[in-house]
Amino acid sequence: MDAPAGGSSGAPGEDGGRPEPSPDLLELLRELGEGGRSTWQASRDAAKALRLLFAADVSLARSAFGRTLACTAVAIAFGASAWLLLMAALIAWLSLGLGWSWSLSLLLTGVASLAFAALGGWGATRYFEHTRLQATRRQLARLGVGELSKLMPGAGSRTPAKHAAERVEAAAGETPVKPDLGVEITPP
């Protein structure tokens, strides 16, 4: 048989070079590259979103910690100085003005001071909850990081992490959740 006019028999590799990839292979490689770039961009976006979430959570925790200290100061102020200053005047008025006994006057003002101290302590406890970085811990658990990762749905799940965390907390009830190490887990 004679060779075609182009000088090549058309068999791959006869001219010493590599065979030309088929258009389907080139298209597949192009799609693979685009998929890789898309995956890289999505990973960068997810990392950026997690970084922003962490920064916002730390900012909230820092603010909550300051408010916790302020509420604690209020509780101390009402627990101590209100007793010494304002309640002393009330005791004198109840005893001398209304004719109550000194012991009853002292008891009433003591209860009032404890109520203000309890109110300040409640405010401190309420703001202190924000220092636990709850949103960041939930998202890290969804990514498989941290002590809650076995208890939370995976990253591809449609279940919101907050709902899963509430279910974990409700299931634990009074009994703290302990992983393999036996250390109690603080729910997010």
N, C-alpha and C. Protein backbone atom coordinates (compact mmCIF):
# COMPACT_ATOMS: atom_id res chain seq x y z
N MET A 1 0.83 -1.18 0.00
CA MET A 1 0.00 0.00 0.00
C MET A 1 0.87 1.24 0.00
N ASP A 2 0.36 2.20 -0.70
CA ASP A 2 1.10 3.46 -0.75
C ASP A 2 0.64 4.37 0.37
N ALA A 3 1.57 5.19 0.86
CA ALA A 3 1.25 6.16 1.90
C ALA A 3 0.46 7.30 1.30
N PRO A 4 -0.44 7.92 2.07
CA PRO A 4 -1.21 9.05 1.55
C PRO A 4 -0.29 10.20 1.18
N ALA A 5 -0.83 11.13 0.47
CA ALA A 5 -0.06 12.26 -0.05
C ALA A 5 0.52 13.13 1.03
N GLY A 6 -0.01 13.13 2.23
CA GLY A 6 0.50 13.98 3.30
C GLY A 6 1.80 13.48 3.86
N GLY A 7 2.28 12.34 3.51
CA GLY A 7 3.55 11.82 3.99
C GLY A 7 3.43 11.03 5.26
N SER A 8 2.23 10.80 5.75
CA SER A 8 2.05 10.05 7.00
C SER A 8 1.01 8.99 6.75
N SER A 9 1.19 7.87 7.36
CA SER A 9 0.22 6.80 7.19
C SER A 9 -0.97 6.95 8.09
N GLY A 10 -0.93 7.90 9.03
CA GLY A 10 -2.05 8.14 9.92
C GLY A 10 -1.99 7.33 11.19
N ALA A 11 -1.01 6.41 11.32
CA ALA A 11 -0.91 5.63 12.54
C ALA A 11 -0.26 6.48 13.62
N PRO A 12 -0.77 6.42 14.82
CA PRO A 12 -0.21 7.27 15.88
C PRO A 12 1.21 6.85 16.20
N GLY A 13 2.06 7.82 16.39
CA GLY A 13 3.42 7.58 16.84
C GLY A 13 4.40 7.22 15.76
N GLU A 14 4.00 7.11 14.51
CA GLU A 14 4.94 6.72 13.47
C GLU A 14 5.92 7.83 13.14
N ASP A 15 5.50 9.08 13.30
CA ASP A 15 6.41 10.17 12.97
C ASP A 15 7.26 10.58 14.16
N GLY A 16 7.23 9.81 15.23
CA GLY A 16 8.07 10.06 16.41
C GLY A 16 7.43 11.03 17.40
N GLY A 17 6.36 11.67 17.10
CA GLY A 17 5.69 12.60 18.01
C GLY A 17 4.55 11.93 18.76
N ARG A 18 4.00 12.66 19.67
CA ARG A 18 2.85 12.15 20.42
C ARG A 18 1.60 12.25 19.57
N PRO A 19 0.66 11.36 19.82
CA PRO A 19 -0.59 11.47 19.08
C PRO A 19 -1.38 12.68 19.55
N GLU A 20 -2.11 13.29 18.66
CA GLU A 20 -2.93 14.44 19.00
C GLU A 20 -4.08 13.98 19.89
N PRO A 21 -4.28 14.71 21.01
CA PRO A 21 -5.43 14.33 21.84
C PRO A 21 -6.72 14.64 21.10
N SER A 22 -7.71 13.82 21.39
CA SER A 22 -8.99 14.03 20.73
C SER A 22 -9.68 15.26 21.31
N PRO A 23 -10.58 15.87 20.56
CA PRO A 23 -11.30 17.05 21.06
C PRO A 23 -12.08 16.74 22.33
N ASP A 24 -12.56 15.51 22.47
CA ASP A 24 -13.30 15.16 23.68
C ASP A 24 -12.39 15.20 24.90
N LEU A 25 -11.16 14.74 24.76
CA LEU A 25 -10.20 14.74 25.86
C LEU A 25 -9.84 16.17 26.24
N LEU A 26 -9.63 17.02 25.24
CA LEU A 26 -9.33 18.43 25.53
C LEU A 26 -10.48 19.10 26.26
N GLU A 27 -11.69 18.83 25.82
CA GLU A 27 -12.86 19.41 26.49
C GLU A 27 -12.97 18.90 27.92
N LEU A 28 -12.70 17.62 28.12
CA LEU A 28 -12.73 17.04 29.46
C LEU A 28 -11.69 17.67 30.36
N LEU A 29 -10.48 17.87 29.84
CA LEU A 29 -9.43 18.52 30.63
C LEU A 29 -9.80 19.96 30.95
N ARG A 30 -10.39 20.66 30.01
CA ARG A 30 -10.82 22.05 30.23
C ARG A 30 -11.89 22.09 31.33
N GLU A 31 -12.86 21.19 31.26
CA GLU A 31 -13.91 21.14 32.29
C GLU A 31 -13.32 20.78 33.65
N LEU A 32 -12.35 19.88 33.65
CA LEU A 32 -11.70 19.50 34.91
C LEU A 32 -10.98 20.69 35.53
N GLY A 33 -10.29 21.46 34.68
CA GLY A 33 -9.61 22.67 35.17
C GLY A 33 -10.59 23.69 35.71
N GLU A 34 -11.70 23.89 34.99
CA GLU A 34 -12.72 24.83 35.47
C GLU A 34 -13.34 24.35 36.77
N GLY A 35 -13.55 23.05 36.88
CA GLY A 35 -14.09 22.50 38.13
C GLY A 35 -13.12 22.69 39.29
N GLY A 36 -11.84 22.50 39.01
CA GLY A 36 -10.83 22.73 40.05
C GLY A 36 -10.80 24.18 40.50
N ARG A 37 -10.84 25.09 39.51
CA ARG A 37 -10.86 26.51 39.86
C ARG A 37 -12.11 26.87 40.65
N SER A 38 -13.25 26.32 40.26
CA SER A 38 -14.49 26.58 40.98
C SER A 38 -14.42 26.05 42.40
N THR A 39 -13.85 24.86 42.55
CA THR A 39 -13.70 24.28 43.89
C THR A 39 -12.77 25.13 44.74
N TRP A 40 -11.68 25.59 44.15
CA TRP A 40 -10.73 26.44 44.87
C TRP A 40 -11.41 27.74 45.30
N GLN A 41 -12.17 28.35 44.39
CA GLN A 41 -12.86 29.60 44.72
C GLN A 41 -13.89 29.37 45.81
N ALA A 42 -14.64 28.26 45.73
CA ALA A 42 -15.63 27.96 46.76
C ALA A 42 -14.96 27.73 48.10
N SER A 43 -13.82 27.06 48.09
CA SER A 43 -13.09 26.84 49.35
C SER A 43 -12.60 28.15 49.93
N ARG A 44 -12.10 29.04 49.06
CA ARG A 44 -11.66 30.36 49.54
C ARG A 44 -12.82 31.15 50.11
N ASP A 45 -13.97 31.10 49.41
CA ASP A 45 -15.15 31.81 49.90
C ASP A 45 -15.62 31.26 51.24
N ALA A 46 -15.60 29.93 51.38
CA ALA A 46 -16.02 29.32 52.64
C ALA A 46 -15.05 29.69 53.76
N ALA A 47 -13.76 29.68 53.48
CA ALA A 47 -12.77 30.05 54.49
C ALA A 47 -12.93 31.52 54.88
N LYS A 48 -13.19 32.37 53.89
CA LYS A 48 -13.40 33.79 54.18
C LYS A 48 -14.65 33.98 55.04
N ALA A 49 -15.73 33.27 54.69
CA ALA A 49 -16.97 33.39 55.47
C ALA A 49 -16.76 32.89 56.90
N LEU A 50 -16.01 31.80 57.05
CA LEU A 50 -15.74 31.28 58.39
C LEU A 50 -14.87 32.25 59.18
N ARG A 51 -13.90 32.88 58.50
CA ARG A 51 -13.06 33.87 59.17
C ARG A 51 -13.89 35.06 59.62
N LEU A 52 -14.79 35.53 58.75
CA LEU A 52 -15.67 36.65 59.12
C LEU A 52 -16.60 36.27 60.27
N LEU A 53 -17.13 35.04 60.23
CA LEU A 53 -17.98 34.57 61.31
C LEU A 53 -17.21 34.53 62.62
N PHE A 54 -15.98 34.01 62.57
CA PHE A 54 -15.16 33.94 63.78
C PHE A 54 -14.86 35.34 64.32
N ALA A 55 -14.52 36.27 63.42
CA ALA A 55 -14.24 37.64 63.85
C ALA A 55 -15.47 38.27 64.48
N ALA A 56 -16.64 38.06 63.88
CA ALA A 56 -17.87 38.61 64.45
C ALA A 56 -18.19 37.97 65.80
N ASP A 57 -17.96 36.66 65.90
CA ASP A 57 -18.22 35.95 67.15
C ASP A 57 -17.28 36.43 68.26
N VAL A 58 -16.00 36.64 67.92
CA VAL A 58 -15.05 37.14 68.91
C VAL A 58 -15.42 38.56 69.32
N SER A 59 -15.85 39.37 68.35
CA SER A 59 -16.27 40.73 68.67
C SER A 59 -17.48 40.73 69.61
N LEU A 60 -18.45 39.84 69.32
CA LEU A 60 -19.61 39.72 70.20
C LEU A 60 -19.19 39.24 71.58
N ALA A 61 -18.26 38.28 71.63
CA ALA A 61 -17.80 37.77 72.92
C ALA A 61 -17.08 38.86 73.71
N ARG A 62 -16.27 39.65 73.02
CA ARG A 62 -15.54 40.73 73.70
C ARG A 62 -16.52 41.75 74.27
N SER A 63 -17.51 42.11 73.46
CA SER A 63 -18.53 43.05 73.92
C SER A 63 -19.33 42.47 75.08
N ALA A 64 -19.69 41.19 74.96
CA ALA A 64 -20.46 40.55 76.03
C ALA A 64 -19.64 40.45 77.30
N PHE A 65 -18.34 40.22 77.18
CA PHE A 65 -17.50 40.14 78.37
C PHE A 65 -17.46 41.49 79.08
N GLY A 66 -17.36 42.57 78.31
CA GLY A 66 -17.39 43.91 78.93
C GLY A 66 -18.71 44.18 79.63
N ARG A 67 -19.80 43.77 78.98
CA ARG A 67 -21.12 43.96 79.61
C ARG A 67 -21.27 43.07 80.83
N THR A 68 -20.68 41.89 80.79
CA THR A 68 -20.71 41.01 81.95
C THR A 68 -20.01 41.67 83.13
N LEU A 69 -18.85 42.26 82.86
CA LEU A 69 -18.13 42.95 83.93
C LEU A 69 -18.94 44.14 84.45
N ALA A 70 -19.60 44.85 83.55
CA ALA A 70 -20.41 46.00 83.99
C ALA A 70 -21.58 45.54 84.85
N CYS A 71 -22.26 44.47 84.44
CA CYS A 71 -23.38 43.96 85.25
C CYS A 71 -22.89 43.41 86.58
N THR A 72 -21.72 42.80 86.58
CA THR A 72 -21.16 42.32 87.84
C THR A 72 -20.85 43.49 88.77
N ALA A 73 -20.35 44.58 88.20
CA ALA A 73 -20.08 45.77 89.01
C ALA A 73 -21.38 46.33 89.59
N VAL A 74 -22.44 46.29 88.79
CA VAL A 74 -23.74 46.75 89.29
C VAL A 74 -24.22 45.87 90.44
N ALA A 75 -24.06 44.56 90.27
CA ALA A 75 -24.48 43.63 91.33
C ALA A 75 -23.69 43.88 92.62
N ILE A 76 -22.41 44.13 92.49
CA ILE A 76 -21.59 44.40 93.68
C ILE A 76 -21.98 45.73 94.30
N ALA A 77 -22.22 46.73 93.44
CA ALA A 77 -22.58 48.05 93.96
C ALA A 77 -23.88 47.98 94.75
N PHE A 78 -24.90 47.30 94.19
CA PHE A 78 -26.17 47.21 94.90
C PHE A 78 -26.08 46.26 96.08
N GLY A 79 -25.24 45.27 95.98
CA GLY A 79 -25.10 44.33 97.09
C GLY A 79 -24.40 44.92 98.30
N ALA A 80 -23.46 45.82 98.08
CA ALA A 80 -22.67 46.35 99.20
C ALA A 80 -23.00 47.81 99.54
N SER A 81 -22.78 48.71 98.60
CA SER A 81 -22.94 50.11 98.95
C SER A 81 -24.39 50.52 99.13
N ALA A 82 -25.32 49.89 98.43
CA ALA A 82 -26.73 50.21 98.67
C ALA A 82 -27.13 49.83 100.08
N TRP A 83 -26.58 48.75 100.58
CA TRP A 83 -26.86 48.35 101.96
C TRP A 83 -26.34 49.38 102.94
N LEU A 84 -25.14 49.85 102.68
CA LEU A 84 -24.54 50.79 103.62
C LEU A 84 -25.15 52.18 103.55
N LEU A 85 -25.57 52.63 102.39
CA LEU A 85 -26.04 54.01 102.25
C LEU A 85 -27.57 54.12 102.22
N LEU A 86 -28.19 53.63 101.16
CA LEU A 86 -29.62 53.81 100.99
C LEU A 86 -30.45 53.01 102.00
N MET A 87 -30.05 51.81 102.28
CA MET A 87 -30.84 50.96 103.17
C MET A 87 -30.74 51.42 104.62
N ALA A 88 -29.65 52.04 104.96
CA ALA A 88 -29.53 52.58 106.32
C ALA A 88 -30.59 53.65 106.56
N ALA A 89 -30.81 54.48 105.54
CA ALA A 89 -31.85 55.51 105.66
C ALA A 89 -33.24 54.88 105.72
N LEU A 90 -33.47 53.84 104.96
CA LEU A 90 -34.76 53.16 104.98
C LEU A 90 -35.01 52.48 106.32
N ILE A 91 -33.97 51.88 106.86
CA ILE A 91 -34.10 51.23 108.18
C ILE A 91 -34.50 52.26 109.24
N ALA A 92 -33.84 53.39 109.21
CA ALA A 92 -34.15 54.44 110.20
C ALA A 92 -35.60 54.92 110.01
N TRP A 93 -36.03 55.10 108.77
CA TRP A 93 -37.39 55.58 108.54
C TRP A 93 -38.42 54.53 108.97
N LEU A 94 -38.18 53.24 108.64
CA LEU A 94 -39.12 52.20 109.04
C LEU A 94 -39.21 52.08 110.56
N SER A 95 -38.08 52.18 111.20
CA SER A 95 -38.08 52.02 112.66
C SER A 95 -38.65 53.23 113.37
N LEU A 96 -38.19 54.39 113.01
CA LEU A 96 -38.60 55.59 113.72
C LEU A 96 -39.89 56.19 113.16
N GLY A 97 -40.05 56.17 111.85
CA GLY A 97 -41.21 56.79 111.23
C GLY A 97 -42.46 55.94 111.31
N LEU A 98 -42.34 54.64 111.05
CA LEU A 98 -43.51 53.77 111.04
C LEU A 98 -43.65 52.96 112.32
N GLY A 99 -42.62 52.97 113.14
CA GLY A 99 -42.70 52.25 114.42
C GLY A 99 -42.41 50.76 114.30
N TRP A 100 -41.80 50.32 113.19
CA TRP A 100 -41.46 48.90 113.05
C TRP A 100 -40.28 48.59 113.97
N SER A 101 -40.13 47.33 114.26
CA SER A 101 -38.96 46.93 115.06
C SER A 101 -37.71 47.01 114.18
N TRP A 102 -36.58 47.16 114.82
CA TRP A 102 -35.31 47.26 114.09
C TRP A 102 -35.04 45.96 113.30
N SER A 103 -35.35 44.83 113.88
CA SER A 103 -35.08 43.56 113.19
C SER A 103 -35.92 43.42 111.93
N LEU A 104 -37.20 43.82 111.98
CA LEU A 104 -38.05 43.75 110.79
C LEU A 104 -37.56 44.74 109.73
N SER A 105 -37.15 45.90 110.13
CA SER A 105 -36.63 46.90 109.19
C SER A 105 -35.35 46.40 108.52
N LEU A 106 -34.46 45.78 109.28
CA LEU A 106 -33.23 45.23 108.72
C LEU A 106 -33.53 44.08 107.75
N LEU A 107 -34.50 43.24 108.11
CA LEU A 107 -34.85 42.11 107.24
C LEU A 107 -35.40 42.60 105.90
N LEU A 108 -36.30 43.55 105.91
CA LEU A 108 -36.89 44.06 104.68
C LEU A 108 -35.84 44.67 103.77
N THR A 109 -34.97 45.49 104.31
CA THR A 109 -33.95 46.12 103.47
C THR A 109 -32.92 45.10 102.98
N GLY A 110 -32.64 44.10 103.75
CA GLY A 110 -31.73 43.04 103.31
C GLY A 110 -32.29 42.28 102.12
N VAL A 111 -33.58 41.97 102.17
CA VAL A 111 -34.24 41.28 101.06
C VAL A 111 -34.23 42.15 99.81
N ALA A 112 -34.49 43.44 99.97
CA ALA A 112 -34.47 44.35 98.81
C ALA A 112 -33.07 44.41 98.19
N SER A 113 -32.03 44.47 98.99
CA SER A 113 -30.66 44.50 98.47
C SER A 113 -30.32 43.20 97.77
N LEU A 114 -30.75 42.08 98.30
CA LEU A 114 -30.50 40.80 97.65
C LEU A 114 -31.23 40.71 96.31
N ALA A 115 -32.40 41.29 96.22
CA ALA A 115 -33.14 41.28 94.95
C ALA A 115 -32.38 42.06 93.87
N PHE A 116 -31.83 43.23 94.24
CA PHE A 116 -31.03 43.99 93.27
C PHE A 116 -29.76 43.24 92.89
N ALA A 117 -29.11 42.61 93.86
CA ALA A 117 -27.90 41.83 93.57
C ALA A 117 -28.23 40.65 92.64
N ALA A 118 -29.36 39.99 92.87
CA ALA A 118 -29.77 38.88 92.01
C ALA A 118 -30.06 39.37 90.59
N LEU A 119 -30.68 40.54 90.46
CA LEU A 119 -30.95 41.11 89.14
C LEU A 119 -29.65 41.39 88.39
N GLY A 120 -28.67 41.95 89.04
CA GLY A 120 -27.37 42.20 88.42
C GLY A 120 -26.66 40.90 88.06
N GLY A 121 -26.75 39.90 88.92
CA GLY A 121 -26.15 38.60 88.63
C GLY A 121 -26.83 37.92 87.45
N TRP A 122 -28.14 38.06 87.35
CA TRP A 122 -28.87 37.50 86.21
C TRP A 122 -28.42 38.17 84.91
N GLY A 123 -28.26 39.48 84.93
CA GLY A 123 -27.79 40.19 83.74
C GLY A 123 -26.40 39.74 83.34
N ALA A 124 -25.52 39.54 84.32
CA ALA A 124 -24.16 39.07 84.02
C ALA A 124 -24.19 37.68 83.40
N THR A 125 -25.01 36.80 83.93
CA THR A 125 -25.10 35.44 83.40
C THR A 125 -25.66 35.45 81.98
N ARG A 126 -26.64 36.29 81.74
CA ARG A 126 -27.26 36.37 80.42
C ARG A 126 -26.26 36.85 79.37
N TYR A 127 -25.47 37.87 79.66
CA TYR A 127 -24.49 38.36 78.70
C TYR A 127 -23.29 37.42 78.60
N PHE A 128 -22.98 36.70 79.65
CA PHE A 128 -21.83 35.80 79.62
C PHE A 128 -22.04 34.66 78.63
N GLU A 129 -23.28 34.31 78.31
CA GLU A 129 -23.58 33.26 77.34
C GLU A 129 -22.98 33.58 75.97
N HIS A 130 -22.81 34.87 75.65
CA HIS A 130 -22.29 35.25 74.34
C HIS A 130 -20.79 35.03 74.22
N THR A 131 -20.11 34.71 75.30
CA THR A 131 -18.66 34.51 75.25
C THR A 131 -18.29 33.09 74.83
N ARG A 132 -19.25 32.23 74.54
CA ARG A 132 -18.97 30.83 74.22
C ARG A 132 -18.75 30.57 72.74
N LEU A 133 -18.77 31.60 71.89
CA LEU A 133 -18.53 31.47 70.45
C LEU A 133 -19.44 30.41 69.83
N GLN A 134 -20.70 30.48 70.13
CA GLN A 134 -21.65 29.44 69.74
C GLN A 134 -21.74 29.24 68.23
N ALA A 135 -21.87 30.30 67.47
CA ALA A 135 -22.03 30.15 66.02
C ALA A 135 -20.79 29.54 65.38
N THR A 136 -19.61 29.99 65.80
CA THR A 136 -18.37 29.44 65.25
C THR A 136 -18.24 27.97 65.60
N ARG A 137 -18.55 27.59 66.83
CA ARG A 137 -18.43 26.19 67.24
C ARG A 137 -19.41 25.31 66.48
N ARG A 138 -20.62 25.81 66.20
CA ARG A 138 -21.57 25.02 65.41
C ARG A 138 -21.06 24.78 64.00
N GLN A 139 -20.52 25.83 63.36
CA GLN A 139 -20.05 25.68 61.99
C GLN A 139 -18.80 24.80 61.93
N LEU A 140 -17.91 24.92 62.89
CA LEU A 140 -16.73 24.05 62.92
C LEU A 140 -17.15 22.60 63.14
N ALA A 141 -18.17 22.37 63.96
CA ALA A 141 -18.66 21.00 64.19
C ALA A 141 -19.23 20.43 62.90
N ARG A 142 -19.89 21.25 62.09
CA ARG A 142 -20.41 20.77 60.80
C ARG A 142 -19.28 20.40 59.86
N LEU A 143 -18.13 21.06 60.01
CA LEU A 143 -16.99 20.74 59.16
C LEU A 143 -16.17 19.58 59.72
N GLY A 144 -16.60 19.06 60.88
CA GLY A 144 -15.89 17.91 61.46
C GLY A 144 -14.79 18.29 62.42
N VAL A 145 -14.77 19.55 62.88
CA VAL A 145 -13.73 20.02 63.79
C VAL A 145 -14.33 20.23 65.17
N GLY A 146 -13.67 19.76 66.19
CA GLY A 146 -14.11 20.02 67.56
C GLY A 146 -14.84 18.86 68.19
N GLU A 147 -15.14 19.05 69.47
CA GLU A 147 -15.74 17.97 70.25
C GLU A 147 -17.19 17.68 69.88
N LEU A 148 -17.86 18.60 69.20
CA LEU A 148 -19.25 18.40 68.82
C LEU A 148 -19.42 17.80 67.43
N SER A 149 -18.32 17.54 66.73
CA SER A 149 -18.42 17.12 65.33
C SER A 149 -19.18 15.82 65.15
N LYS A 150 -19.11 14.91 66.11
CA LYS A 150 -19.83 13.64 65.98
C LYS A 150 -21.31 13.79 66.28
N LEU A 151 -21.68 14.88 66.92
CA LEU A 151 -23.06 15.08 67.32
C LEU A 151 -23.85 15.97 66.36
N MET A 152 -23.16 16.61 65.43
CA MET A 152 -23.80 17.57 64.53
C MET A 152 -23.90 16.99 63.13
N PRO A 153 -24.86 17.48 62.31
CA PRO A 153 -24.95 17.02 60.92
C PRO A 153 -23.75 17.50 60.12
N GLY A 154 -23.46 16.82 59.03
CA GLY A 154 -22.32 17.17 58.18
C GLY A 154 -22.54 18.46 57.42
N ALA A 155 -21.49 18.88 56.72
CA ALA A 155 -21.53 20.15 55.99
C ALA A 155 -22.55 20.12 54.86
N GLY A 156 -22.83 18.96 54.27
CA GLY A 156 -23.78 18.88 53.18
C GLY A 156 -25.23 18.75 53.61
N SER A 157 -25.46 18.64 54.91
CA SER A 157 -26.82 18.45 55.41
C SER A 157 -27.63 19.73 55.30
N ARG A 158 -28.92 19.58 55.09
CA ARG A 158 -29.80 20.75 55.04
C ARG A 158 -30.29 21.15 56.43
N THR A 159 -30.00 20.33 57.44
CA THR A 159 -30.42 20.65 58.80
C THR A 159 -29.59 21.80 59.34
N PRO A 160 -30.23 22.89 59.80
CA PRO A 160 -29.45 24.00 60.37
C PRO A 160 -28.68 23.54 61.61
N ALA A 161 -27.46 24.02 61.76
CA ALA A 161 -26.62 23.62 62.88
C ALA A 161 -27.25 24.05 64.21
N LYS A 162 -27.95 25.17 64.22
CA LYS A 162 -28.56 25.64 65.46
C LYS A 162 -29.63 24.67 65.93
N HIS A 163 -30.44 24.14 65.00
CA HIS A 163 -31.47 23.17 65.38
C HIS A 163 -30.83 21.90 65.91
N ALA A 164 -29.77 21.46 65.26
CA ALA A 164 -29.08 20.25 65.73
C ALA A 164 -28.48 20.48 67.10
N ALA A 165 -27.92 21.66 67.35
CA ALA A 165 -27.34 21.96 68.66
C ALA A 165 -28.43 21.98 69.74
N GLU A 166 -29.60 22.50 69.39
CA GLU A 166 -30.71 22.51 70.35
C GLU A 166 -31.17 21.09 70.66
N ARG A 167 -31.18 20.21 69.63
CA ARG A 167 -31.54 18.81 69.85
C ARG A 167 -30.51 18.12 70.73
N VAL A 168 -29.22 18.41 70.52
CA VAL A 168 -28.17 17.81 71.34
C VAL A 168 -28.34 18.26 72.79
N GLU A 169 -28.61 19.54 72.98
CA GLU A 169 -28.78 20.07 74.33
C GLU A 169 -30.02 19.48 75.00
N ALA A 170 -31.12 19.35 74.23
CA ALA A 170 -32.35 18.78 74.79
C ALA A 170 -32.18 17.30 75.09
N ALA A 171 -31.46 16.58 74.24
CA ALA A 171 -31.24 15.15 74.47
C ALA A 171 -30.36 14.92 75.69
N ALA A 172 -29.40 15.81 75.88
CA ALA A 172 -28.50 15.66 77.03
C ALA A 172 -29.25 15.96 78.33
N GLY A 173 -30.16 16.95 78.27
CA GLY A 173 -30.92 17.32 79.46
C GLY A 173 -29.99 17.72 80.59
N GLU A 174 -30.16 17.09 81.71
CA GLU A 174 -29.32 17.38 82.88
C GLU A 174 -28.00 16.62 82.82
N THR A 175 -27.95 15.56 82.03
CA THR A 175 -26.74 14.76 81.94
C THR A 175 -25.80 15.38 80.91
N PRO A 176 -24.58 15.78 81.31
CA PRO A 176 -23.67 16.38 80.34
C PRO A 176 -23.20 15.36 79.32
N VAL A 177 -22.99 15.81 78.08
CA VAL A 177 -22.52 14.95 77.01
C VAL A 177 -21.02 14.75 77.19
N LYS A 178 -20.56 13.48 77.12
CA LYS A 178 -19.14 13.19 77.27
C LYS A 178 -18.67 12.36 76.07
N PRO A 179 -17.63 12.82 75.38
CA PRO A 179 -17.10 12.01 74.28
C PRO A 179 -16.23 10.89 74.84
N ASP A 180 -15.42 10.29 73.96
CA ASP A 180 -14.60 9.15 74.35
C ASP A 180 -13.65 9.46 75.49
N LEU A 181 -13.21 10.70 75.62
CA LEU A 181 -12.25 11.06 76.66
C LEU A 181 -12.91 11.19 78.04
N GLY A 182 -14.23 11.27 78.11
CA GLY A 182 -14.93 11.39 79.37
C GLY A 182 -15.03 12.81 79.89
N VAL A 183 -14.64 13.78 79.09
CA VAL A 183 -14.71 15.18 79.50
C VAL A 183 -16.04 15.75 79.03
N GLU A 184 -16.68 16.54 79.87
CA GLU A 184 -17.98 17.10 79.53
C GLU A 184 -17.85 18.08 78.37
N ILE A 185 -18.82 18.06 77.47
CA ILE A 185 -18.86 18.95 76.33
C ILE A 185 -19.83 20.08 76.64
N THR A 186 -19.39 21.30 76.44
CA THR A 186 -20.28 22.44 76.59
C THR A 186 -21.04 22.61 75.29
N PRO A 187 -22.39 22.46 75.31
CA PRO A 187 -23.13 22.59 74.06
C PRO A 187 -23.06 24.02 73.52
N PRO A 188 -23.09 24.16 72.20
CA PRO A 188 -23.02 25.51 71.63
C PRO A 188 -24.35 26.23 71.78
